[in-house]
Amino acid sequence: MPMTVNIGLVTNEALVLGCDSIASVISHYINPFQMELQKTRGGKPKLDKDGKLTLKFSLSDVEEIVTDAWGGVTKMFEIHRMPTPVVAVTAGLAKLRDRPISGFAEEFCETCKDREPALVTVKQVADEFLSFMKGHYDGHYAKSPLPAQFREGPEFLVGGFGKDDNFPSLFRVIVKESKIRPEFVNGKSGVSWNGQADAVERFIRGYDGPLRHDIEERVLEELQKYHSTMTARSAEIINHVLKELKAKMPNGVDINLSAPSKIALPWSNYRTSIAYGNLPLQEAVNSVSFLVNLQSGKARFARGVATVGGRVHIGYVTKSKGFQLLNEPELVHRYTGFGDGF
C-alpha cells in the first residue's frame, strides 16, 4: 500500500524531487460479520471441535488497514554522486529486513564510489539500484507466509544527470516486478508522481484513475442499456408490421442492432497546461512543493488516518551542483520538561 506521495519534475536545466515524511503501518484483516458463516442443515452456525465458528472467505475479502503512522521519515536520498548525480524518492514499503530504505540507499551509494568501471548514465545507475534492492526484497520475503499479492514494493522515482548528459532524466523503478520504465529522457520534460497521488493527478490531468474508470464504465453501461432497449423495441415494431401484413420474417434476416462501441472521451482536454521544460528552477521548486502539499492537505482533512503529510522534503539535481536538499533542519530537542519547578 503506497502510503506516501512522490513528485518528480523535469525541466530543461534540473530535476526537482519532492515527498512527504510520514510512514504508516498496515495490517491485514477480515470482517467476520460480512463473511458467509457455515451452517448446519437446521440453519444454525456450524462449530468446529473447539466450539469455534467457521466461515468461508477468499483473499479478495482481506482488507489492508492502517494501524499506525508517524512523521520524520527520510524518503529522498542520493544513490550516486558526481559526476553522475542520481537521486531516488521511495514509495511503498518503508523497511526491508527491519532496515529503513534510506539505509540501503546509503549502502548502495557507497558501493558505487570506487566502482570500476564507473556508472556514467542514469539508466545504468537505475539498473544497478534495482538489482541491489531486488536482492534485499527477495530476502525480506524469503520465509514470509504472506501471499504474493499482498507483498509490497518498494517503488522509486530515480533521476539525475548522466556524466555526459546535457539534460536530466527520470525513471520509475518497480522492485516487486523488476521493472524500470523511462518517464522523461533525451531532453523531454514533464512531471511524474508515485504513491498516493490522486489529488495531484486530478490537478494535473483534471481527473484521477478511479474517476476516469468509473465514468467510462457508467457511459458504457448506459449505452448497453440503451442498446438493449432499442433492440427490444425494434423487434416489437418489426413483429407488429409482420402481423399487420400477415407475413413471416424471411429466413436469414438479422434484426439485431450492432453492439455499442466504447466511446473515447476527450480526457486530454482537461489537463492543466504547464510548460515544464521552461520553468525556472525556483518555479519548479514551488510547483513540486505545491503538489506535495496538495496531497498532504487532502490526507489531513479527509476522514481516516492521515497517511500522507509531515514535513515536505524538496531536493534538486543540476549538472553543475549535483544533488542539493533545500531547507533541511538539524534535529532539535523541544520537549525540555514541564517547567513547573519540580
C-alpha atoms as a PDB file:
ATOM      1  CA  MET A   1       0.000   0.000   0.000  1.00  0.00           C
ATOM      2  CA  PRO A   2       1.860   3.125  -1.223  1.00  0.00           C
ATOM      3  CA  MET A   3       1.055   5.462   1.678  1.00  0.00           C
ATOM      4  CA  THR A   4       3.195   8.407   0.615  1.00  0.00           C
ATOM      5  CA  VAL A   5       3.475  10.924  -2.195  1.00  0.00           C
ATOM      6  CA  ASN A   6       6.470  11.331  -4.511  1.00  0.00           C
ATOM      7  CA  ILE A   7       6.816  14.041  -7.157  1.00  0.00           C
ATOM      8  CA  GLY A   8       9.464  14.270  -9.871  1.00  0.00           C
ATOM      9  CA  LEU A   9       9.544  17.330 -12.151  1.00  0.00           C
ATOM     10  CA  VAL A  10      11.966  17.519 -15.067  1.00  0.00           C
ATOM     11  CA  THR A  11      12.850  20.856 -16.673  1.00  0.00           C
ATOM     12  CA  ASN A  12      15.479  21.679 -19.271  1.00  0.00           C
ATOM     13  CA  GLU A  13      18.007  22.507 -16.549  1.00  0.00           C
ATOM     14  CA  ALA A  14      17.146  20.442 -13.468  1.00  0.00           C
ATOM     15  CA  LEU A  15      15.322  17.577 -11.849  1.00  0.00           C
ATOM     16  CA  VAL A  16      13.265  18.619  -8.816  1.00  0.00           C
ATOM     17  CA  LEU A  17      12.014  15.939  -6.415  1.00  0.00           C
ATOM     18  CA  GLY A  18       9.547  16.202  -3.546  1.00  0.00           C
ATOM     19  CA  CYS A  19       7.996  13.900  -0.968  1.00  0.00           C
ATOM     20  CA  ASP A  20       6.236  13.871   2.371  1.00  0.00           C
ATOM     21  CA  SER A  21       7.701  12.378   5.545  1.00  0.00           C
ATOM     22  CA  ILE A  22       5.007  10.129   7.038  1.00  0.00           C
ATOM     23  CA  ALA A  23       5.394   6.368   7.308  1.00  0.00           C
ATOM     24  CA  SER A  24       2.496   4.094   8.141  1.00  0.00           C
ATOM     25  CA  VAL A  25       1.992   0.510   9.241  1.00  0.00           C
ATOM     26  CA  ILE A  26      -0.711  -1.704   7.775  1.00  0.00           C
ATOM     27  CA  SER A  27      -2.197  -4.995   8.913  1.00  0.00           C
ATOM     28  CA  HIS A  28      -4.491  -7.416   7.129  1.00  0.00           C
ATOM     29  CA  TYR A  29      -7.976  -8.042   8.488  1.00  0.00           C
ATOM     30  CA  ILE A  30     -11.191  -9.867   7.658  1.00  0.00           C
ATOM     31  CA  ASN A  31     -14.537  -8.633   8.926  1.00  0.00           C
ATOM     32  CA  PRO A  32     -16.224 -11.892  10.040  1.00  0.00           C
ATOM     33  CA  PHE A  33     -19.664 -10.287  10.103  1.00  0.00           C
ATOM     34  CA  GLN A  34     -19.506  -9.724   6.341  1.00  0.00           C
ATOM     35  CA  MET A  35     -18.483 -13.301   5.615  1.00  0.00           C
ATOM     36  CA  GLU A  36     -20.579 -16.385   4.926  1.00  0.00           C
ATOM     37  CA  LEU A  37     -20.802 -18.463   8.087  1.00  0.00           C
ATOM     38  CA  GLN A  38     -21.006 -22.192   7.519  1.00  0.00           C
ATOM     39  CA  LYS A  39     -24.298 -23.521   8.869  1.00  0.00           C
ATOM     40  CA  THR A  40     -25.863 -26.833   9.770  1.00  0.00           C
ATOM     41  CA  ARG A  41     -28.848 -28.274   7.913  1.00  0.00           C
ATOM     42  CA  GLY A  42     -31.001 -26.719  10.575  1.00  0.00           C
ATOM     43  CA  GLY A  43     -29.635 -23.265   9.740  1.00  0.00           C
ATOM     44  CA  LYS A  44     -27.573 -22.848  12.899  1.00  0.00           C
ATOM     45  CA  PRO A  45     -23.927 -21.659  12.734  1.00  0.00           C
ATOM     46  CA  LYS A  46     -21.598 -24.646  12.423  1.00  0.00           C
ATOM     47  CA  LEU A  47     -18.997 -25.032  15.170  1.00  0.00           C
ATOM     48  CA  ASP A  48     -15.703 -26.907  14.988  1.00  0.00           C
ATOM     49  CA  LYS A  49     -14.484 -29.364  17.631  1.00  0.00           C
ATOM     50  CA  ASP A  50     -13.281 -26.455  19.790  1.00  0.00           C
ATOM     51  CA  GLY A  51     -16.652 -24.728  19.647  1.00  0.00           C
ATOM     52  CA  LYS A  52     -15.455 -22.029  17.221  1.00  0.00           C
ATOM     53  CA  LEU A  53     -17.400 -20.655  14.282  1.00  0.00           C
ATOM     54  CA  THR A  54     -16.246 -21.494  10.768  1.00  0.00           C
ATOM     55  CA  LEU A  55     -16.573 -19.269   7.722  1.00  0.00           C
ATOM     56  CA  LYS A  56     -15.662 -19.102   4.037  1.00  0.00           C
ATOM     57  CA  PHE A  57     -13.635 -16.290   2.532  1.00  0.00           C
ATOM     58  CA  SER A  58     -11.433 -15.501  -0.450  1.00  0.00           C
ATOM     59  CA  LEU A  59      -8.219 -13.469  -0.473  1.00  0.00           C
ATOM     60  CA  SER A  60     -10.162 -10.610  -2.062  1.00  0.00           C
ATOM     61  CA  ASP A  61     -12.074 -10.320   1.239  1.00  0.00           C
ATOM     62  CA  VAL A  62      -8.866  -9.418   3.095  1.00  0.00           C
ATOM     63  CA  GLU A  63      -8.608  -5.703   3.865  1.00  0.00           C
ATOM     64  CA  GLU A  64      -5.458  -3.642   4.420  1.00  0.00           C
ATOM     65  CA  ILE A  65      -5.968  -1.361   7.431  1.00  0.00           C
ATOM     66  CA  VAL A  66      -3.587   1.396   8.559  1.00  0.00           C
ATOM     67  CA  THR A  67      -2.843   0.829  12.238  1.00  0.00           C
ATOM     68  CA  ASP A  68      -0.157   3.461  12.913  1.00  0.00           C
ATOM     69  CA  ALA A  69       1.566   6.445  11.305  1.00  0.00           C
ATOM     70  CA  TRP A  70       4.450   8.718  12.285  1.00  0.00           C
ATOM     71  CA  GLY A  71       6.500  11.514  10.745  1.00  0.00           C
ATOM     72  CA  GLY A  72      10.162  12.358  10.363  1.00  0.00           C
ATOM     73  CA  VAL A  73      10.904   9.637   7.803  1.00  0.00           C
ATOM     74  CA  THR A  74      13.593  10.078   5.126  1.00  0.00           C
ATOM     75  CA  LYS A  75      12.263   9.142   1.687  1.00  0.00           C
ATOM     76  CA  MET A  76      14.693  11.057  -0.549  1.00  0.00           C
ATOM     77  CA  PHE A  77      18.349  10.119  -0.885  1.00  0.00           C
ATOM     78  CA  GLU A  78      21.342  10.328  -3.185  1.00  0.00           C
ATOM     79  CA  ILE A  79      22.265   6.963  -4.686  1.00  0.00           C
ATOM     80  CA  HIS A  80      25.163   8.080  -6.924  1.00  0.00           C
ATOM     81  CA  ARG A  81      27.464  11.072  -6.577  1.00  0.00           C
ATOM     82  CA  MET A  82      29.089  13.436  -9.053  1.00  0.00           C
ATOM     83  CA  PRO A  83      29.942  13.382 -11.907  1.00  0.00           C
ATOM     84  CA  THR A  84      26.779  11.258 -12.353  1.00  0.00           C
ATOM     85  CA  PRO A  85      24.477  12.651  -9.655  1.00  0.00           C
ATOM     86  CA  VAL A  86      21.417  10.416  -9.239  1.00  0.00           C
ATOM     87  CA  VAL A  87      18.703  10.694  -6.584  1.00  0.00           C
ATOM     88  CA  ALA A  88      15.753   8.487  -5.593  1.00  0.00           C
ATOM     89  CA  VAL A  89      12.484   9.014  -3.731  1.00  0.00           C
ATOM     90  CA  THR A  90      10.658   5.993  -2.394  1.00  0.00           C
ATOM     91  CA  ALA A  91       7.050   4.900  -2.012  1.00  0.00           C
ATOM     92  CA  GLY A  92       5.533   1.702  -0.717  1.00  0.00           C
ATOM     93  CA  LEU A  93       7.313  -0.479   1.785  1.00  0.00           C
ATOM     94  CA  ALA A  94       9.211   1.645   4.322  1.00  0.00           C
ATOM     95  CA  LYS A  95      11.528  -1.123   5.558  1.00  0.00           C
ATOM     96  CA  LEU A  96      13.172  -4.297   4.330  1.00  0.00           C
ATOM     97  CA  ARG A  97      14.616  -6.777   6.805  1.00  0.00           C
ATOM     98  CA  ASP A  98      13.829  -4.224   9.549  1.00  0.00           C
ATOM     99  CA  ARG A  99      16.132  -1.677   7.920  1.00  0.00           C
ATOM    100  CA  PRO A 100      14.831   1.657   6.540  1.00  0.00           C
ATOM    101  CA  ILE A 101      15.062   2.113   2.788  1.00  0.00           C
ATOM    102  CA  SER A 102      17.350   5.112   3.290  1.00  0.00           C
ATOM    103  CA  GLY A 103      19.910   2.772   4.866  1.00  0.00           C
ATOM    104  CA  PHE A 104      20.007   0.596   1.752  1.00  0.00           C
ATOM    105  CA  ALA A 105      20.327   3.720  -0.417  1.00  0.00           C
ATOM    106  CA  GLU A 106      23.356   4.898   1.578  1.00  0.00           C
ATOM    107  CA  GLU A 107      24.921   1.446   1.316  1.00  0.00           C
ATOM    108  CA  PHE A 108      24.381   1.332  -2.445  1.00  0.00           C
ATOM    109  CA  CYS A 109      25.809   4.831  -2.852  1.00  0.00           C
ATOM    110  CA  GLU A 110      28.972   3.785  -1.009  1.00  0.00           C
ATOM    111  CA  THR A 111      29.425   0.698  -3.191  1.00  0.00           C
ATOM    112  CA  CYS A 112      29.337   2.925  -6.277  1.00  0.00           C
ATOM    113  CA  LYS A 113      32.062   5.281  -5.020  1.00  0.00           C
ATOM    114  CA  ASP A 114      35.055   3.241  -6.166  1.00  0.00           C
ATOM    115  CA  ARG A 115      33.278   1.063  -8.702  1.00  0.00           C
ATOM    116  CA  GLU A 116      35.198   0.030 -11.816  1.00  0.00           C
ATOM    117  CA  PRO A 117      34.058   0.622 -14.431  1.00  0.00           C
ATOM    118  CA  ALA A 118      32.143   3.624 -13.144  1.00  0.00           C
ATOM    119  CA  LEU A 119      28.439   4.065 -13.839  1.00  0.00           C
ATOM    120  CA  VAL A 120      28.113   7.023 -16.195  1.00  0.00           C
ATOM    121  CA  THR A 121      24.410   7.125 -17.143  1.00  0.00           C
ATOM    122  CA  VAL A 122      21.271   7.443 -15.064  1.00  0.00           C
ATOM    123  CA  LYS A 123      19.888   4.274 -16.663  1.00  0.00           C
ATOM    124  CA  GLN A 124      22.977   2.302 -15.576  1.00  0.00           C
ATOM    125  CA  VAL A 125      22.582   3.544 -12.008  1.00  0.00           C
ATOM    126  CA  ALA A 126      18.851   2.742 -12.018  1.00  0.00           C
ATOM    127  CA  ASP A 127      19.522  -0.786 -13.343  1.00  0.00           C
ATOM    128  CA  GLU A 128      22.137  -1.490 -10.678  1.00  0.00           C
ATOM    129  CA  PHE A 129      19.973   0.004  -7.928  1.00  0.00           C
ATOM    130  CA  LEU A 130      17.040  -2.188  -8.976  1.00  0.00           C
ATOM    131  CA  SER A 131      19.221  -5.306  -8.890  1.00  0.00           C
ATOM    132  CA  PHE A 132      20.557  -4.317  -5.448  1.00  0.00           C
ATOM    133  CA  MET A 133      17.102  -3.665  -3.975  1.00  0.00           C
ATOM    134  CA  LYS A 134      15.515  -6.750  -5.594  1.00  0.00           C
ATOM    135  CA  GLY A 135      18.022  -8.962  -3.791  1.00  0.00           C
ATOM    136  CA  HIS A 136      17.036  -7.474  -0.440  1.00  0.00           C
ATOM    137  CA  TYR A 137      13.340  -7.599  -1.367  1.00  0.00           C
ATOM    138  CA  ASP A 138      13.552 -11.312  -2.144  1.00  0.00           C
ATOM    139  CA  GLY A 139      15.431 -11.896   1.117  1.00  0.00           C
ATOM    140  CA  HIS A 140      12.809  -9.944   3.053  1.00  0.00           C
ATOM    141  CA  TYR A 141      10.002 -12.232   1.875  1.00  0.00           C
ATOM    142  CA  ALA A 142      12.032 -15.460   1.632  1.00  0.00           C
ATOM    143  CA  LYS A 143      10.300 -17.069   4.630  1.00  0.00           C
ATOM    144  CA  SER A 144       7.159 -14.953   4.713  1.00  0.00           C
ATOM    145  CA  PRO A 145       3.750 -16.709   4.742  1.00  0.00           C
ATOM    146  CA  LEU A 146       2.182 -13.595   3.173  1.00  0.00           C
ATOM    147  CA  PRO A 147       0.614 -14.389  -0.243  1.00  0.00           C
ATOM    148  CA  ALA A 148       2.418 -12.767  -3.175  1.00  0.00           C
ATOM    149  CA  GLN A 149      -0.478 -10.430  -3.971  1.00  0.00           C
ATOM    150  CA  PHE A 150      -0.096  -8.753  -0.566  1.00  0.00           C
ATOM    151  CA  ARG A 151       3.663  -8.267  -0.789  1.00  0.00           C
ATOM    152  CA  GLU A 152       4.535  -4.617  -1.214  1.00  0.00           C
ATOM    153  CA  GLY A 153       7.110  -2.605  -3.184  1.00  0.00           C
ATOM    154  CA  PRO A 154       9.149  -0.544  -2.636  1.00  0.00           C
ATOM    155  CA  GLU A 155       8.950   1.650  -5.730  1.00  0.00           C
ATOM    156  CA  PHE A 156      11.166   4.583  -6.673  1.00  0.00           C
ATOM    157  CA  LEU A 157      11.387   7.622  -8.895  1.00  0.00           C
ATOM    158  CA  VAL A 158      15.072   7.698  -9.838  1.00  0.00           C
ATOM    159  CA  GLY A 159      16.644  10.549 -11.763  1.00  0.00           C
ATOM    160  CA  GLY A 160      19.530  12.915 -12.283  1.00  0.00           C
ATOM    161  CA  PHE A 161      22.258  13.685 -14.810  1.00  0.00           C
ATOM    162  CA  GLY A 162      24.475  11.216 -16.608  1.00  0.00           C
ATOM    163  CA  LYS A 163      28.159  12.154 -16.795  1.00  0.00           C
ATOM    164  CA  ASP A 164      27.849  13.245 -20.422  1.00  0.00           C
ATOM    165  CA  ASP A 165      24.191  14.332 -20.396  1.00  0.00           C
ATOM    166  CA  ASN A 166      23.064  17.874 -21.085  1.00  0.00           C
ATOM    167  CA  PHE A 167      19.544  17.239 -19.810  1.00  0.00           C
ATOM    168  CA  PRO A 168      18.184  15.445 -16.731  1.00  0.00           C
ATOM    169  CA  SER A 169      16.269  12.180 -16.960  1.00  0.00           C
ATOM    170  CA  LEU A 170      13.793  10.355 -14.727  1.00  0.00           C
ATOM    171  CA  PHE A 171      12.920   6.654 -14.420  1.00  0.00           C
ATOM    172  CA  ARG A 172      10.312   4.683 -12.483  1.00  0.00           C
ATOM    173  CA  VAL A 173      11.752   1.648 -10.680  1.00  0.00           C
ATOM    174  CA  ILE A 174       9.309  -1.077  -9.562  1.00  0.00           C
ATOM    175  CA  VAL A 175      11.209  -3.534  -7.381  1.00  0.00           C
ATOM    176  CA  LYS A 176       8.492  -6.175  -6.964  1.00  0.00           C
ATOM    177  CA  GLU A 177       8.151  -6.605 -10.735  1.00  0.00           C
ATOM    178  CA  SER A 178      11.853  -5.995 -11.529  1.00  0.00           C
ATOM    179  CA  LYS A 179      10.838  -3.275 -13.972  1.00  0.00           C
ATOM    180  CA  ILE A 180      12.292   0.078 -14.983  1.00  0.00           C
ATOM    181  CA  ARG A 181      10.208   2.491 -17.016  1.00  0.00           C
ATOM    182  CA  PRO A 182      11.556   5.729 -18.524  1.00  0.00           C
ATOM    183  CA  GLU A 183       9.452   8.731 -17.572  1.00  0.00           C
ATOM    184  CA  PHE A 184      11.414  11.585 -19.168  1.00  0.00           C
ATOM    185  CA  VAL A 185      14.622  11.038 -21.150  1.00  0.00           C
ATOM    186  CA  ASN A 186      16.509  12.577 -24.088  1.00  0.00           C
ATOM    187  CA  GLY A 187      15.586  16.163 -23.258  1.00  0.00           C
ATOM    188  CA  LYS A 188      11.890  15.533 -22.615  1.00  0.00           C
ATOM    189  CA  SER A 189      10.306  17.371 -19.686  1.00  0.00           C
ATOM    190  CA  GLY A 190       7.249  16.905 -17.505  1.00  0.00           C
ATOM    191  CA  VAL A 191       6.004  15.800 -14.094  1.00  0.00           C
ATOM    192  CA  SER A 192       5.519  12.315 -12.632  1.00  0.00           C
ATOM    193  CA  TRP A 193       4.166  11.084  -9.343  1.00  0.00           C
ATOM    194  CA  ASN A 194       4.125   7.936  -7.283  1.00  0.00           C
ATOM    195  CA  GLY A 195       2.387   6.590  -4.193  1.00  0.00           C
ATOM    196  CA  GLN A 196      -0.874   8.081  -3.004  1.00  0.00           C
ATOM    197  CA  ALA A 197      -1.314  10.902  -5.509  1.00  0.00           C
ATOM    198  CA  ASP A 198      -4.977  11.097  -6.540  1.00  0.00           C
ATOM    199  CA  ALA A 199      -5.236  14.798  -5.633  1.00  0.00           C
ATOM    200  CA  VAL A 200      -2.092  15.533  -7.657  1.00  0.00           C
ATOM    201  CA  GLU A 201      -3.402  13.554 -10.616  1.00  0.00           C
ATOM    202  CA  ARG A 202      -6.703  15.439 -10.537  1.00  0.00           C
ATOM    203  CA  PHE A 203      -4.905  18.775 -10.570  1.00  0.00           C
ATOM    204  CA  ILE A 204      -2.574  17.824 -13.421  1.00  0.00           C
ATOM    205  CA  ARG A 205      -4.950  15.757 -15.571  1.00  0.00           C
ATOM    206  CA  GLY A 206      -8.328  17.032 -14.436  1.00  0.00           C
ATOM    207  CA  TYR A 207      -9.256  13.548 -13.198  1.00  0.00           C
ATOM    208  CA  ASP A 208      -7.737  10.606 -11.364  1.00  0.00           C
ATOM    209  CA  GLY A 209      -7.610   6.962 -12.429  1.00  0.00           C
ATOM    210  CA  PRO A 210     -10.620   5.693 -10.428  1.00  0.00           C
ATOM    211  CA  LEU A 211     -12.754   8.659 -11.528  1.00  0.00           C
ATOM    212  CA  ARG A 212     -11.941   8.056 -15.195  1.00  0.00           C
ATOM    213  CA  HIS A 213     -12.652   4.335 -14.850  1.00  0.00           C
ATOM    214  CA  ASP A 214     -15.997   4.944 -13.139  1.00  0.00           C
ATOM    215  CA  ILE A 215     -17.125   7.485 -15.757  1.00  0.00           C
ATOM    216  CA  GLU A 216     -16.138   5.279 -18.699  1.00  0.00           C
ATOM    217  CA  GLU A 217     -17.820   2.254 -17.129  1.00  0.00           C
ATOM    218  CA  ARG A 218     -21.005   4.228 -16.440  1.00  0.00           C
ATOM    219  CA  VAL A 219     -21.134   5.580 -20.000  1.00  0.00           C
ATOM    220  CA  LEU A 220     -20.672   2.068 -21.426  1.00  0.00           C
ATOM    221  CA  GLU A 221     -23.292   0.678 -19.043  1.00  0.00           C
ATOM    222  CA  GLU A 222     -25.855   3.279 -20.157  1.00  0.00           C
ATOM    223  CA  LEU A 223     -25.057   2.608 -23.821  1.00  0.00           C
ATOM    224  CA  GLN A 224     -25.609  -1.102 -23.278  1.00  0.00           C
ATOM    225  CA  LYS A 225     -28.929  -0.434 -21.557  1.00  0.00           C
ATOM    226  CA  TYR A 226     -29.987   1.828 -24.435  1.00  0.00           C
ATOM    227  CA  HIS A 227     -28.857  -0.818 -26.929  1.00  0.00           C
ATOM    228  CA  SER A 228     -30.963  -3.476 -25.190  1.00  0.00           C
ATOM    229  CA  THR A 229     -33.985  -1.182 -25.089  1.00  0.00           C
ATOM    230  CA  MET A 230     -33.660  -0.252 -28.778  1.00  0.00           C
ATOM    231  CA  THR A 231     -33.160  -3.899 -29.794  1.00  0.00           C
ATOM    232  CA  ALA A 232     -36.314  -4.928 -27.951  1.00  0.00           C
ATOM    233  CA  ARG A 233     -38.289  -2.004 -29.373  1.00  0.00           C
ATOM    234  CA  SER A 234     -37.086  -2.709 -32.926  1.00  0.00           C
ATOM    235  CA  ALA A 235     -38.210  -6.322 -32.574  1.00  0.00           C
ATOM    236  CA  GLU A 236     -41.640  -5.154 -31.375  1.00  0.00           C
ATOM    237  CA  ILE A 237     -42.045  -2.829 -34.360  1.00  0.00           C
ATOM    238  CA  ILE A 238     -40.955  -5.478 -36.867  1.00  0.00           C
ATOM    239  CA  ASN A 239     -43.278  -8.101 -35.342  1.00  0.00           C
ATOM    240  CA  HIS A 240     -46.156  -5.613 -35.412  1.00  0.00           C
ATOM    241  CA  VAL A 241     -45.531  -4.817 -39.086  1.00  0.00           C
ATOM    242  CA  LEU A 242     -45.305  -8.510 -39.989  1.00  0.00           C
ATOM    243  CA  LYS A 243     -48.522  -9.194 -38.119  1.00  0.00           C
ATOM    244  CA  GLU A 244     -50.374  -6.424 -39.944  1.00  0.00           C
ATOM    245  CA  LEU A 245     -49.045  -7.696 -43.262  1.00  0.00           C
ATOM    246  CA  LYS A 246     -49.856 -11.245 -42.280  1.00  0.00           C
ATOM    247  CA  ALA A 247     -46.326 -12.141 -43.300  1.00  0.00           C
ATOM    248  CA  LYS A 248     -43.421 -14.065 -41.866  1.00  0.00           C
ATOM    249  CA  MET A 249     -39.864 -12.954 -41.358  1.00  0.00           C
ATOM    250  CA  PRO A 250     -37.702 -14.191 -44.253  1.00  0.00           C
ATOM    251  CA  ASN A 251     -35.000 -16.656 -43.325  1.00  0.00           C
ATOM    252  CA  GLY A 252     -31.526 -15.303 -42.724  1.00  0.00           C
ATOM    253  CA  VAL A 253     -32.585 -11.758 -41.758  1.00  0.00           C
ATOM    254  CA  ASP A 254     -30.593 -10.424 -38.798  1.00  0.00           C
ATOM    255  CA  ILE A 255     -32.576  -7.830 -36.857  1.00  0.00           C
ATOM    256  CA  ASN A 256     -30.017  -7.400 -34.054  1.00  0.00           C
ATOM    257  CA  LEU A 257     -28.544  -3.924 -33.703  1.00  0.00           C
ATOM    258  CA  SER A 258     -24.777  -3.518 -33.674  1.00  0.00           C
ATOM    259  CA  ALA A 259     -23.279  -3.622 -30.186  1.00  0.00           C
ATOM    260  CA  PRO A 260     -22.270  -0.211 -28.830  1.00  0.00           C
ATOM    261  CA  SER A 261     -18.580   0.610 -29.111  1.00  0.00           C
ATOM    262  CA  LYS A 262     -16.603   2.205 -26.332  1.00  0.00           C
ATOM    263  CA  ILE A 263     -16.672   5.994 -26.538  1.00  0.00           C
ATOM    264  CA  ALA A 264     -13.284   7.752 -26.458  1.00  0.00           C
ATOM    265  CA  LEU A 265     -13.868  10.717 -24.172  1.00  0.00           C
ATOM    266  CA  PRO A 266     -11.619  13.797 -24.663  1.00  0.00           C
ATOM    267  CA  TRP A 267      -9.689  13.367 -21.413  1.00  0.00           C
ATOM    268  CA  SER A 268      -6.635  15.280 -22.624  1.00  0.00           C
ATOM    269  CA  ASN A 269      -8.713  18.462 -22.877  1.00  0.00           C
ATOM    270  CA  TYR A 270      -8.846  18.743 -19.081  1.00  0.00           C
ATOM    271  CA  ARG A 271      -5.089  18.669 -18.453  1.00  0.00           C
ATOM    272  CA  THR A 272      -3.500  21.659 -16.749  1.00  0.00           C
ATOM    273  CA  SER A 273      -1.274  23.352 -19.321  1.00  0.00           C
ATOM    274  CA  ILE A 274       2.223  23.874 -17.884  1.00  0.00           C
ATOM    275  CA  ALA A 275       5.431  24.424 -19.866  1.00  0.00           C
ATOM    276  CA  TYR A 276       7.567  22.234 -17.615  1.00  0.00           C
ATOM    277  CA  GLY A 277      10.707  22.495 -19.713  1.00  0.00           C
ATOM    278  CA  ASN A 278      10.795  26.288 -19.441  1.00  0.00           C
ATOM    279  CA  LEU A 279      10.143  26.545 -15.696  1.00  0.00           C
ATOM    280  CA  PRO A 280      12.900  28.431 -13.840  1.00  0.00           C
ATOM    281  CA  LEU A 281      14.408  26.369 -11.034  1.00  0.00           C
ATOM    282  CA  GLN A 282      12.636  28.356  -8.301  1.00  0.00           C
ATOM    283  CA  GLU A 283       9.267  27.954 -10.001  1.00  0.00           C
ATOM    284  CA  ALA A 284       9.900  24.231 -10.419  1.00  0.00           C
ATOM    285  CA  VAL A 285      10.632  24.010  -6.678  1.00  0.00           C
ATOM    286  CA  ASN A 286       7.443  25.948  -5.930  1.00  0.00           C
ATOM    287  CA  SER A 287       5.433  23.647  -8.176  1.00  0.00           C
ATOM    288  CA  VAL A 288       6.725  20.430  -6.581  1.00  0.00           C
ATOM    289  CA  SER A 289       6.167  21.805  -3.086  1.00  0.00           C
ATOM    290  CA  PHE A 290       2.598  22.763  -4.015  1.00  0.00           C
ATOM    291  CA  LEU A 291       1.832  19.290  -5.371  1.00  0.00           C
ATOM    292  CA  VAL A 292       3.152  17.507  -2.270  1.00  0.00           C
ATOM    293  CA  ASN A 293       1.182  19.851  -0.003  1.00  0.00           C
ATOM    294  CA  LEU A 294      -1.928  19.383  -2.142  1.00  0.00           C
ATOM    295  CA  GLN A 295      -1.908  15.650  -1.461  1.00  0.00           C
ATOM    296  CA  SER A 296      -0.944  16.190   2.186  1.00  0.00           C
ATOM    297  CA  GLY A 297      -3.833  18.617   2.648  1.00  0.00           C
ATOM    298  CA  LYS A 298      -6.332  16.113   1.332  1.00  0.00           C
ATOM    299  CA  ALA A 299      -4.979  13.429   3.650  1.00  0.00           C
ATOM    300  CA  ARG A 300      -5.102  15.758   6.648  1.00  0.00           C
ATOM    301  CA  PHE A 301      -8.699  16.870   6.250  1.00  0.00           C
ATOM    302  CA  ALA A 302     -10.266  13.695   4.851  1.00  0.00           C
ATOM    303  CA  ARG A 303     -11.668  11.094   7.235  1.00  0.00           C
ATOM    304  CA  GLY A 304      -9.351   8.372   8.485  1.00  0.00           C
ATOM    305  CA  VAL A 305      -5.675   8.167   9.415  1.00  0.00           C
ATOM    306  CA  ALA A 306      -3.543  10.698   7.513  1.00  0.00           C
ATOM    307  CA  THR A 307      -1.085   8.557   5.580  1.00  0.00           C
ATOM    308  CA  VAL A 308       0.469  11.465   3.670  1.00  0.00           C
ATOM    309  CA  GLY A 309       1.853  14.515   5.440  1.00  0.00           C
ATOM    310  CA  GLY A 310       4.518  15.779   7.791  1.00  0.00           C
ATOM    311  CA  ARG A 311       7.400  17.941   6.669  1.00  0.00           C
ATOM    312  CA  VAL A 312       7.748  18.362   2.900  1.00  0.00           C
ATOM    313  CA  HIS A 313      11.212  17.458   1.608  1.00  0.00           C
ATOM    314  CA  ILE A 314      12.420  19.102  -1.603  1.00  0.00           C
ATOM    315  CA  GLY A 315      15.650  18.436  -3.443  1.00  0.00           C
ATOM    316  CA  TYR A 316      17.014  19.196  -6.881  1.00  0.00           C
ATOM    317  CA  VAL A 317      19.747  17.929  -9.194  1.00  0.00           C
ATOM    318  CA  THR A 318      21.664  20.106 -11.670  1.00  0.00           C
ATOM    319  CA  LYS A 319      24.567  19.364 -13.954  1.00  0.00           C
ATOM    320  CA  SER A 320      26.944  21.736 -12.132  1.00  0.00           C
ATOM    321  CA  LYS A 321      25.911  21.374  -8.473  1.00  0.00           C
ATOM    322  CA  GLY A 322      24.696  17.804  -8.304  1.00  0.00           C
ATOM    323  CA  PHE A 323      22.164  16.984  -5.587  1.00  0.00           C
ATOM    324  CA  GLN A 324      21.010  19.725  -3.214  1.00  0.00           C
ATOM    325  CA  LEU A 325      18.469  19.402  -0.391  1.00  0.00           C
ATOM    326  CA  LEU A 326      16.546  22.562   0.484  1.00  0.00           C
ATOM    327  CA  ASN A 327      15.963  23.942   3.982  1.00  0.00           C
ATOM    328  CA  GLU A 328      16.610  20.706   5.820  1.00  0.00           C
ATOM    329  CA  PRO A 329      16.763  21.416   9.578  1.00  0.00           C
ATOM    330  CA  GLU A 330      19.026  19.796  12.125  1.00  0.00           C
ATOM    331  CA  LEU A 331      17.480  17.610  14.807  1.00  0.00           C
ATOM    332  CA  VAL A 332      16.113  19.656  17.698  1.00  0.00           C
ATOM    333  CA  HIS A 333      15.166  18.948  21.292  1.00  0.00           C
ATOM    334  CA  ARG A 334      11.902  20.749  22.030  1.00  0.00           C
ATOM    335  CA  TYR A 335      10.433  18.803  24.929  1.00  0.00           C
ATOM    336  CA  THR A 336      12.552  20.024  27.817  1.00  0.00           C
ATOM    337  CA  GLY A 337      10.086  19.308  30.624  1.00  0.00           C
ATOM    338  CA  PHE A 338       7.001  20.859  32.171  1.00  0.00           C
ATOM    339  CA  GLY A 339       8.901  23.796  33.603  1.00  0.00           C
ATOM    340  CA  ASP A 340       6.935  23.943  36.871  1.00  0.00           C
ATOM    341  CA  GLY A 341       9.909  23.981  39.219  1.00  0.00           C
ATOM    342  CA  PHE A 342       9.826  20.306  40.196  1.00  0.00           C
END
